[in-house]
C-alpha cells in the first residue's frame, strides 16, 4: 500500500524512497515488530483465558521432560502463532506491492497452513482432544494446498517457465530444464509440506523455533532481493524471477514479527506459537524457497529444521527396526536436555540459534559459488 506513495514524489521528493525494496524490507520488519510488541500482552491475556498450554511430545517421554521443564509450561498459553500471522499479514500488505502474485501466493500459504495448525491447536486445547487433528488428515490438508499452489504456478504466465525447472547449488544452469508436471507437483509439495512440518518439530523449547526462523527469514530476504534484481541475478548467475524482490519484504515482515514474538517467547516463555505458528512459518518459508528457485538452499539455510526432522525420522525408524533408541529423546533438542551431561534449556536454544545463523550465512554464500 505505502509503495504507491512514490507517485506523489513530484510533490514531496523524499516519497520516492518507497520505490526501493530495501527501504520497504526494513519498514516491514519494523512494522511487524511494533505490532507484535504492542499486541503481544493482549494476545497473552486472551489466550490465557482460552487455553493453558499444549504439549505435543511423545507420551513415553513426558515424565522425564516434565521433570526437566517443571510444571510451568503447562500453564503457558499456546496458539500465539495468531499474533505472528497477523503481524506478518498486516506488515506485508502495507509495505509490499499488494498486487504482486508471488506475495499473494505466499501470504495465502501462510494463512492456510496457519489455519490447519489452528484447527489442531483448537481441538487439543479448547476441545481437550489429546489427539487433535490426526496426523494423516493434517498431512493431507498440507499436500492438497501444495498441489493447488503448484498448479497455480504452472497456470500463471509469469511463473510457468521456472516452476518446472530444477535448480541446485553450485550450478549456473538448471539441473533439469523442464521437469514433467507430475514431478514438479511432487517436488513442490515435498518442499512446502516438509518445511512446514520441520519447523513444527523444532518448536519444543522456549524461543527455539522462532529464533531459528528469524535467521532463515533473513537469509531468504537476501536471496529474494537478489533474485528479483536483474543486475544482481545476472552477476551471481542465479535465476532472475521478476517480482520476487517483493518476497524480501515478506521475509522482512517474518523477521520483525519473529523478533517481536521472541520478546514474549524467550525463556521463561509467556506464550507459545503452537502449530498455528509453526506450520504457517514453515509453509511460507518453503513457498518462498520454491518461488525464488532456492529449494535446495533451504536444506542448508534451514539446517536446524532439517536436522530436527531427520532426528525424529531416525529415532522412529530405528526403534521400529531394532526396538532401540538412537537419541535419548527426539526431536534432537530434547536429546541435549536428557543426555549424560545435559544442557539447560537456555543453552540448547542459544547454541541452536548460533548453528542456525551459521547455516544461514552458508546459504547466502552459496549465491556466489557457481
Protein backbone atom coordinates (compact mmCIF):
# COMPACT_ATOMS: atom_id res chain seq x y z
CA UNK A 1 0.00 0.00 0.00
CA UNK A 2 2.69 2.51 1.02
CA UNK A 3 4.58 1.60 -2.14
CA UNK A 4 2.21 3.79 -4.15
CA UNK A 5 3.22 6.88 -2.17
CA UNK A 6 6.12 7.24 -4.60
CA UNK A 7 3.55 8.50 -7.13
CA UNK A 8 3.45 11.69 -5.07
CA UNK A 9 7.22 12.18 -5.31
CA UNK A 10 6.75 15.03 -7.78
CA UNK A 11 5.22 16.98 -4.91
CA UNK A 12 7.17 15.54 -1.97
CA UNK A 13 10.53 14.35 -3.26
CA UNK A 14 11.50 12.03 -0.39
CA UNK A 15 8.46 9.84 -1.05
CA UNK A 16 10.39 8.23 -3.90
CA UNK A 17 12.19 6.08 -1.30
CA UNK A 18 9.08 3.90 -1.19
CA UNK A 19 10.07 2.53 -4.60
CA UNK A 20 13.11 0.85 -3.09
CA UNK A 21 12.67 -2.68 -1.86
CA UNK A 22 15.49 -2.32 0.67
CA UNK A 23 13.63 0.54 2.38
CA UNK A 24 10.39 -1.39 2.47
CA UNK A 25 12.11 -4.51 3.84
CA UNK A 26 13.33 -2.53 6.85
CA UNK A 27 9.96 -0.80 7.20
CA UNK A 28 8.10 -4.12 7.05
CA UNK A 29 10.36 -5.62 9.70
CA UNK A 30 9.89 -2.58 11.93
CA UNK A 31 6.12 -2.54 11.47
CA UNK A 32 5.74 -6.25 12.22
CA UNK A 33 7.96 -5.90 15.28
CA UNK A 34 5.92 -2.99 16.65
CA UNK A 35 2.63 -4.82 16.05
CA UNK A 36 3.95 -7.87 17.90
CA UNK A 37 5.21 -5.84 20.82
CA UNK A 38 2.06 -3.74 21.14
CA UNK A 39 -0.47 -6.53 20.79
CA UNK A 40 1.56 -9.27 22.50
CA UNK A 41 0.19 -8.60 26.01
CA UNK A 42 -3.38 -8.54 24.66
CA UNK A 43 -2.94 -11.92 22.96
CA UNK A 44 -1.33 -13.38 26.08
CA UNK A 45 -4.27 -12.31 28.22
CA UNK A 46 -6.90 -13.50 25.78
CA UNK A 47 -5.25 -16.83 25.05
CA UNK A 48 -4.66 -17.46 28.75
CA UNK A 49 -8.43 -17.30 29.22
CA UNK A 50 -8.95 -19.76 26.37
CA UNK A 51 -6.17 -22.28 26.77
CA UNK A 52 -3.44 -23.32 29.15
CA UNK A 53 -0.64 -24.73 27.01
CA UNK A 54 -0.10 -27.58 24.66
CA UNK A 55 2.42 -30.38 24.95
CA UNK A 56 2.80 -32.44 21.78
CA UNK A 57 5.76 -34.56 22.85
CA UNK A 58 5.75 -38.34 22.82
CA UNK A 59 3.77 -39.76 25.70
CA UNK A 60 6.58 -42.12 26.76
CA UNK A 61 8.94 -39.16 27.24
CA UNK A 62 6.54 -36.88 29.08
CA UNK A 63 7.51 -37.81 32.67
CA UNK A 64 11.20 -37.26 32.02
CA UNK A 65 10.71 -33.98 30.17
CA UNK A 66 8.21 -32.71 32.72
CA UNK A 67 10.83 -33.26 35.39
CA UNK A 68 13.32 -31.20 33.38
CA UNK A 69 10.92 -28.41 32.44
CA UNK A 70 8.72 -28.32 35.51
CA UNK A 71 5.00 -27.66 35.53
CA UNK A 72 5.14 -24.02 34.43
CA UNK A 73 4.95 -24.81 30.72
CA UNK A 74 1.58 -26.48 31.13
CA UNK A 75 0.11 -23.14 32.19
CA UNK A 76 1.61 -21.17 29.28
CA UNK A 77 -0.97 -20.20 26.61
CA UNK A 78 -0.45 -21.50 23.11
CA UNK A 79 -1.83 -20.52 19.66
CA UNK A 80 0.42 -17.45 19.80
CA UNK A 81 1.01 -18.06 16.11
CA UNK A 82 -2.07 -15.91 15.57
CA UNK A 83 -0.03 -12.90 16.70
CA UNK A 84 2.77 -13.81 14.30
CA UNK A 85 0.43 -14.32 11.34
CA UNK A 86 -1.45 -11.08 11.91
CA UNK A 87 1.78 -9.10 12.29
CA UNK A 88 3.23 -10.53 9.07
CA UNK A 89 -0.02 -10.18 7.14
CA UNK A 90 -0.62 -6.54 8.08
CA UNK A 91 3.00 -5.54 7.57
CA UNK A 92 3.29 -7.29 4.19
CA UNK A 93 0.09 -5.73 2.88
CA UNK A 94 1.29 -2.30 3.98
CA UNK A 95 4.80 -2.45 2.54
CA UNK A 96 4.84 -4.97 -0.32
CA UNK A 97 3.16 -4.35 -3.65
CA UNK A 98 -0.29 -5.77 -2.84
CA UNK A 99 -0.96 -6.93 -6.39
CA UNK A 100 2.23 -8.97 -6.67
CA UNK A 101 1.11 -12.58 -7.32
CA UNK A 102 4.15 -14.09 -5.59
CA UNK A 103 3.41 -12.19 -2.40
CA UNK A 104 -0.27 -13.10 -2.53
CA UNK A 105 0.52 -16.79 -3.02
CA UNK A 106 2.95 -16.76 -0.10
CA UNK A 107 0.53 -14.93 2.18
CA UNK A 108 -2.23 -17.34 1.23
CA UNK A 109 0.07 -20.28 2.01
CA UNK A 110 0.92 -18.82 5.41
CA UNK A 111 -2.73 -18.25 6.28
CA UNK A 112 -3.84 -21.68 5.07
CA UNK A 113 -1.11 -23.56 6.94
CA UNK A 114 -1.82 -21.42 9.98
CA UNK A 115 -5.49 -22.41 9.74
CA UNK A 116 -4.54 -26.10 9.66
CA UNK A 117 -2.36 -25.59 12.73
CA UNK A 118 -5.07 -23.58 14.46
CA UNK A 119 -7.54 -26.40 13.94
CA UNK A 120 -5.08 -28.81 15.55
CA UNK A 121 -4.39 -26.47 18.48
CA UNK A 122 -8.09 -25.74 18.94
CA UNK A 123 -9.01 -29.40 19.16
CA UNK A 124 -6.24 -30.10 21.67
CA UNK A 125 -6.62 -27.06 23.88
CA UNK A 126 -10.22 -25.91 23.72
CA UNK A 127 -11.92 -29.23 22.98
CA UNK A 128 -9.44 -31.20 25.15
CA UNK A 129 -8.92 -33.73 22.38
CA UNK A 130 -5.41 -35.04 23.06
CA UNK A 131 -5.10 -36.39 19.50
CA UNK A 132 -6.02 -33.09 17.90
CA UNK A 133 -6.13 -33.12 14.14
CA UNK A 134 -4.96 -36.59 13.15
CA UNK A 135 -1.54 -36.60 11.51
CA UNK A 136 -2.82 -38.23 8.34
CA UNK A 137 -5.56 -35.65 7.89
CA UNK A 138 -3.17 -32.82 8.69
CA UNK A 139 -0.70 -34.07 6.10
CA UNK A 140 -3.46 -34.49 3.53
CA UNK A 141 -4.57 -30.88 4.02
CA UNK A 142 -0.99 -29.68 3.59
CA UNK A 143 -0.49 -31.78 0.46
CA UNK A 144 -3.74 -30.55 -1.09
CA UNK A 145 -2.68 -26.93 -0.69
CA UNK A 146 0.81 -27.62 -2.06
CA UNK A 147 -0.70 -29.28 -5.12
CA UNK A 148 -3.01 -26.29 -5.58
CA UNK A 149 -0.10 -23.85 -5.35
CA UNK A 150 1.95 -25.82 -7.86
CA UNK A 151 -0.97 -26.00 -10.27
CA UNK A 152 -1.49 -22.26 -9.93
CA UNK A 153 2.20 -21.58 -10.63
CA UNK A 154 2.03 -23.76 -13.73
CA UNK A 155 -1.03 -21.88 -14.99
CA UNK A 156 0.24 -18.34 -14.36
CA UNK A 157 2.26 -17.00 -17.33
CA UNK A 158 4.77 -15.27 -15.04
CA UNK A 159 5.69 -18.46 -13.20
CA UNK A 160 5.03 -21.39 -15.53
CA UNK A 161 8.54 -21.45 -17.00
CA UNK A 162 10.60 -21.56 -13.82
CA UNK A 163 8.36 -23.75 -11.64
CA UNK A 164 9.26 -26.82 -13.72
CA UNK A 165 13.00 -26.14 -13.51
CA UNK A 166 15.21 -27.94 -11.01
CA UNK A 167 17.96 -25.68 -9.71
CA UNK A 168 20.71 -26.90 -7.40
CA UNK A 169 23.53 -25.05 -5.63
CA UNK A 170 26.92 -24.74 -7.36
CA UNK A 171 25.41 -25.00 -10.86
CA UNK A 172 24.73 -21.98 -13.07
CA UNK A 173 22.14 -23.72 -15.23
CA UNK A 174 19.16 -25.84 -14.18
CA UNK A 175 19.99 -29.46 -13.45
CA UNK A 176 16.68 -30.28 -15.15
CA UNK A 177 15.41 -27.64 -17.57
CA UNK A 178 11.84 -28.93 -17.60
CA UNK A 179 10.52 -31.49 -15.17
CA UNK A 180 7.33 -33.39 -16.01
CA UNK A 181 4.34 -31.67 -14.47
CA UNK A 182 3.72 -34.54 -12.06
CA UNK A 183 7.35 -34.45 -10.93
CA UNK A 184 7.13 -30.68 -10.39
CA UNK A 185 3.99 -31.10 -8.30
CA UNK A 186 5.62 -33.80 -6.17
CA UNK A 187 8.77 -31.73 -5.71
CA UNK A 188 6.99 -28.53 -4.67
CA UNK A 189 4.69 -30.50 -2.39
CA UNK A 190 7.69 -32.09 -0.69
CA UNK A 191 9.37 -28.71 -0.16
CA UNK A 192 6.36 -26.84 1.24
CA UNK A 193 4.98 -29.71 3.32
CA UNK A 194 8.42 -30.77 4.53
CA UNK A 195 9.37 -27.23 5.59
CA UNK A 196 6.06 -26.77 7.40
CA UNK A 197 6.42 -29.95 9.44
CA UNK A 198 10.15 -29.45 10.09
CA UNK A 199 9.52 -26.10 11.80
CA UNK A 200 6.69 -27.73 13.72
CA UNK A 201 9.06 -30.41 15.07
CA UNK A 202 11.59 -27.75 16.09
CA UNK A 203 9.05 -25.90 18.21
CA UNK A 204 9.72 -27.57 21.54
CA UNK A 205 11.75 -25.15 23.66
CA UNK A 206 11.23 -21.52 24.59
CA UNK A 207 12.36 -19.33 21.71
CA UNK A 208 13.96 -22.14 19.73
CA UNK A 209 11.79 -22.33 16.61
CA UNK A 210 11.11 -18.60 16.30
CA UNK A 211 14.80 -17.71 16.76
CA UNK A 212 15.86 -20.14 14.04
CA UNK A 213 13.03 -18.88 11.82
CA UNK A 214 14.41 -15.35 12.10
CA UNK A 215 17.82 -16.41 10.75
CA UNK A 216 16.20 -18.30 7.87
CA UNK A 217 13.96 -15.31 7.09
CA UNK A 218 16.99 -13.02 6.99
CA UNK A 219 18.82 -15.32 4.57
CA UNK A 220 15.81 -15.63 2.29
CA UNK A 221 15.26 -11.88 2.35
CA UNK A 222 18.74 -11.52 0.85
CA UNK A 223 18.12 -14.30 -1.66
CA UNK A 224 14.74 -12.95 -2.71
CA UNK A 225 16.18 -9.46 -3.15
CA UNK A 226 18.96 -10.60 -5.48
CA UNK A 227 16.65 -12.99 -7.36
CA UNK A 228 14.33 -10.07 -8.12
CA UNK A 229 17.13 -7.71 -9.18
CA UNK A 230 18.08 -8.34 -12.79
CA UNK A 231 21.60 -6.95 -12.34
CA UNK A 232 22.47 -8.90 -9.19
CA UNK A 233 20.88 -12.07 -10.56
CA UNK A 234 22.96 -11.83 -13.75
CA UNK A 235 26.14 -11.13 -11.78
CA UNK A 236 25.59 -14.05 -9.39
CA UNK A 237 24.30 -16.24 -12.22
CA UNK A 238 21.14 -17.26 -10.40
CA UNK A 239 17.63 -17.38 -11.90
CA UNK A 240 16.06 -13.95 -12.28
CA UNK A 241 12.45 -14.13 -11.09
CA UNK A 242 10.51 -11.00 -11.99
CA UNK A 243 8.71 -9.60 -8.97
CA UNK A 244 10.40 -11.90 -6.47
CA UNK A 245 12.11 -8.94 -4.83
CA UNK A 246 8.81 -8.24 -3.09
CA UNK A 247 9.23 -11.53 -1.24
CA UNK A 248 12.14 -9.88 0.55
CA UNK A 249 9.56 -7.54 2.08
CA UNK A 250 7.58 -10.56 3.23
CA UNK A 251 10.71 -12.12 4.73
CA UNK A 252 11.47 -8.83 6.45
CA UNK A 253 8.00 -8.97 7.99
CA UNK A 254 8.71 -12.52 9.24
CA UNK A 255 11.96 -11.31 10.79
CA UNK A 256 10.26 -8.39 12.55
CA UNK A 257 7.28 -10.43 13.72
CA UNK A 258 9.62 -13.19 14.87
CA UNK A 259 11.74 -10.83 16.96
CA UNK A 260 8.60 -9.28 18.42
CA UNK A 261 7.21 -12.69 19.32
CA UNK A 262 10.57 -13.73 20.76
CA UNK A 263 10.21 -10.84 23.22
CA UNK A 264 7.44 -12.85 24.90
CA UNK A 265 8.56 -16.36 23.89
CA UNK A 266 12.10 -16.24 25.33
CA UNK A 267 12.72 -18.34 28.44
CA UNK A 268 10.60 -18.46 30.53
CA UNK A 269 8.01 -18.16 27.76
CA UNK A 270 4.82 -16.19 28.32
CA UNK A 271 3.26 -17.62 25.17
CA UNK A 272 3.83 -20.45 22.69
CA UNK A 273 3.27 -20.23 18.93
CA UNK A 274 1.72 -23.70 18.74
CA UNK A 275 1.05 -25.50 15.48
CA UNK A 276 -0.74 -22.32 14.37
CA UNK A 277 2.56 -20.50 14.09
CA UNK A 278 4.99 -23.29 13.29
CA UNK A 279 3.03 -24.73 10.35
CA UNK A 280 2.38 -21.24 8.97
CA UNK A 281 6.02 -20.12 9.20
CA UNK A 282 7.42 -23.34 7.80
CA UNK A 283 4.94 -23.48 4.93
CA UNK A 284 5.51 -19.86 3.94
CA UNK A 285 9.31 -20.22 4.01
CA UNK A 286 9.02 -23.33 1.87
CA UNK A 287 6.82 -21.37 -0.54
CA UNK A 288 9.40 -18.57 -0.74
CA UNK A 289 12.12 -21.13 -1.49
CA UNK A 290 10.03 -22.51 -4.36
CA UNK A 291 9.22 -19.08 -5.79
CA UNK A 292 12.85 -17.92 -5.91
CA UNK A 293 14.16 -21.34 -7.02
CA UNK A 294 16.26 -21.92 -3.92
CA UNK A 295 14.62 -25.13 -2.78
CA UNK A 296 17.87 -26.99 -2.15
CA UNK A 297 19.39 -23.94 -0.49
CA UNK A 298 16.57 -24.27 2.05
CA UNK A 299 18.16 -27.53 3.20
CA UNK A 300 21.26 -25.55 4.19
CA UNK A 301 19.72 -22.27 5.33
CA UNK A 302 17.18 -24.19 7.39
CA UNK A 303 19.74 -26.73 8.54
CA UNK A 304 18.45 -26.82 12.11
CA UNK A 305 14.95 -27.64 10.90
CA UNK A 306 16.33 -30.39 8.65
CA UNK A 307 18.39 -31.90 11.47
CA UNK A 308 15.44 -31.84 13.84
CA UNK A 309 13.20 -33.57 11.31
CA UNK A 310 15.86 -36.17 10.50
CA UNK A 311 16.35 -36.92 14.19
CA UNK A 312 12.68 -37.85 14.50
CA UNK A 313 12.77 -39.97 11.34
CA UNK A 314 15.91 -41.76 12.52
CA UNK A 315 14.55 -42.29 16.03
CA UNK A 316 11.22 -43.71 14.88
CA UNK A 317 12.75 -45.80 12.08
CA UNK A 318 15.50 -47.30 14.23
CA UNK A 319 13.08 -48.06 17.08
CA UNK A 320 10.73 -49.90 14.74
CA UNK A 321 13.64 -51.81 13.22
CA UNK A 322 15.75 -52.61 16.29
CA UNK A 323 13.50 -51.60 19.21
CA UNK A 324 16.28 -49.31 20.39
CA UNK A 325 16.68 -45.55 20.54
CA UNK A 326 19.42 -43.57 18.84
CA UNK A 327 18.81 -40.44 20.89
CA UNK A 328 17.74 -40.00 24.48
CA UNK A 329 14.66 -38.27 23.09
CA UNK A 330 13.59 -36.86 19.74
CA UNK A 331 13.43 -34.22 18.31
CA UNK A 332 17.13 -33.57 18.79
CA UNK A 333 16.80 -30.55 21.09
CA UNK A 334 15.34 -32.80 23.79
CA UNK A 335 18.28 -35.20 23.45
CA UNK A 336 20.66 -32.49 24.60
CA UNK A 337 18.47 -31.88 27.65
CA UNK A 338 18.46 -35.55 28.62
CA UNK A 339 21.96 -36.77 27.69
CA UNK A 340 24.54 -37.83 30.29
CA UNK A 341 25.86 -34.26 30.66
CA UNK A 342 22.69 -32.27 29.93
CA UNK A 343 22.48 -28.72 28.70
CA UNK A 344 19.98 -26.33 30.21
CA UNK A 345 17.04 -25.25 28.08
CA UNK A 346 18.63 -21.84 27.53
CA UNK A 347 21.93 -23.41 26.49
CA UNK A 348 20.22 -25.67 23.95
CA UNK A 349 18.24 -22.79 22.49
CA UNK A 350 21.10 -20.33 22.17
CA UNK A 351 23.52 -22.92 20.77
CA UNK A 352 20.94 -23.96 18.19
CA UNK A 353 20.49 -20.27 17.29
CA UNK A 354 24.24 -19.98 16.73
CA UNK A 355 24.29 -23.04 14.47
CA UNK A 356 21.22 -21.74 12.62
CA UNK A 357 22.95 -18.40 12.00
CA UNK A 358 25.98 -20.23 10.60
CA UNK A 359 23.75 -22.26 8.30
CA UNK A 360 22.04 -19.07 7.12
CA UNK A 361 25.37 -17.44 6.27
CA UNK A 362 26.48 -20.57 4.42
CA UNK A 363 23.27 -20.48 2.41
CA UNK A 364 23.88 -16.86 1.41
CA UNK A 365 27.45 -17.77 0.45
CA UNK A 366 26.09 -20.35 -1.99
CA UNK A 367 24.75 -17.49 -4.12
CA UNK A 368 28.32 -16.66 -5.11
CA UNK A 369 29.66 -20.19 -5.54
CA UNK A 370 28.55 -21.21 -9.04
